[in-house]
Amino acid sequence: MPDPVTVWMVHKGTGRGGVRGELILEGDRLIFRPELRTAKPDVLGETVFAMSDVDRVTRSRGSPVLELKVRTPGLPPMVLFYFVKPPDIYSSAMPNPRFAGASFLVGSNALLADDVAEWARAIRSAQRQG
């Protein structure tokens, strides 16, 4: 199992910037533990994904992002885990903020691709064992 890692969880309920925290794989559970100083008061608790509720795990092509398709009660069906802080393309002063954000993710992926791939493999393995 991979060591816990710092990620940003992003879904409809977190907003575009997501929530920074720690991703932990324990047996048949994937746990997101938010960092208390950056979390909104209504998302301070852990988010636990039972492997039986995870339908699919994929990597966003060319970026350090894991995509989970889930059936976890109380969560939207798609949850993203960014292994770097999500770029702010909506309030950026850059001339082309989407291009700048995409370039940032591609550059970050060059450093983090192996880590993201390891997490994807570990989650799939936990799904098969569960």
Foldseek 3Di string as FASTA:
>chain_A
DDDKAWWFKDDPVQPPQGFIFIWDDDQQKIKTQGDVVGGDPVPRHIDIAGLVFWPDWDQDPLFQKIWTQGDDPPGDRIMIIHRDGQQDLPPDPDPRSVVVRSVVRNVVCVVCVVVSVVVRVVSVVSSVVD
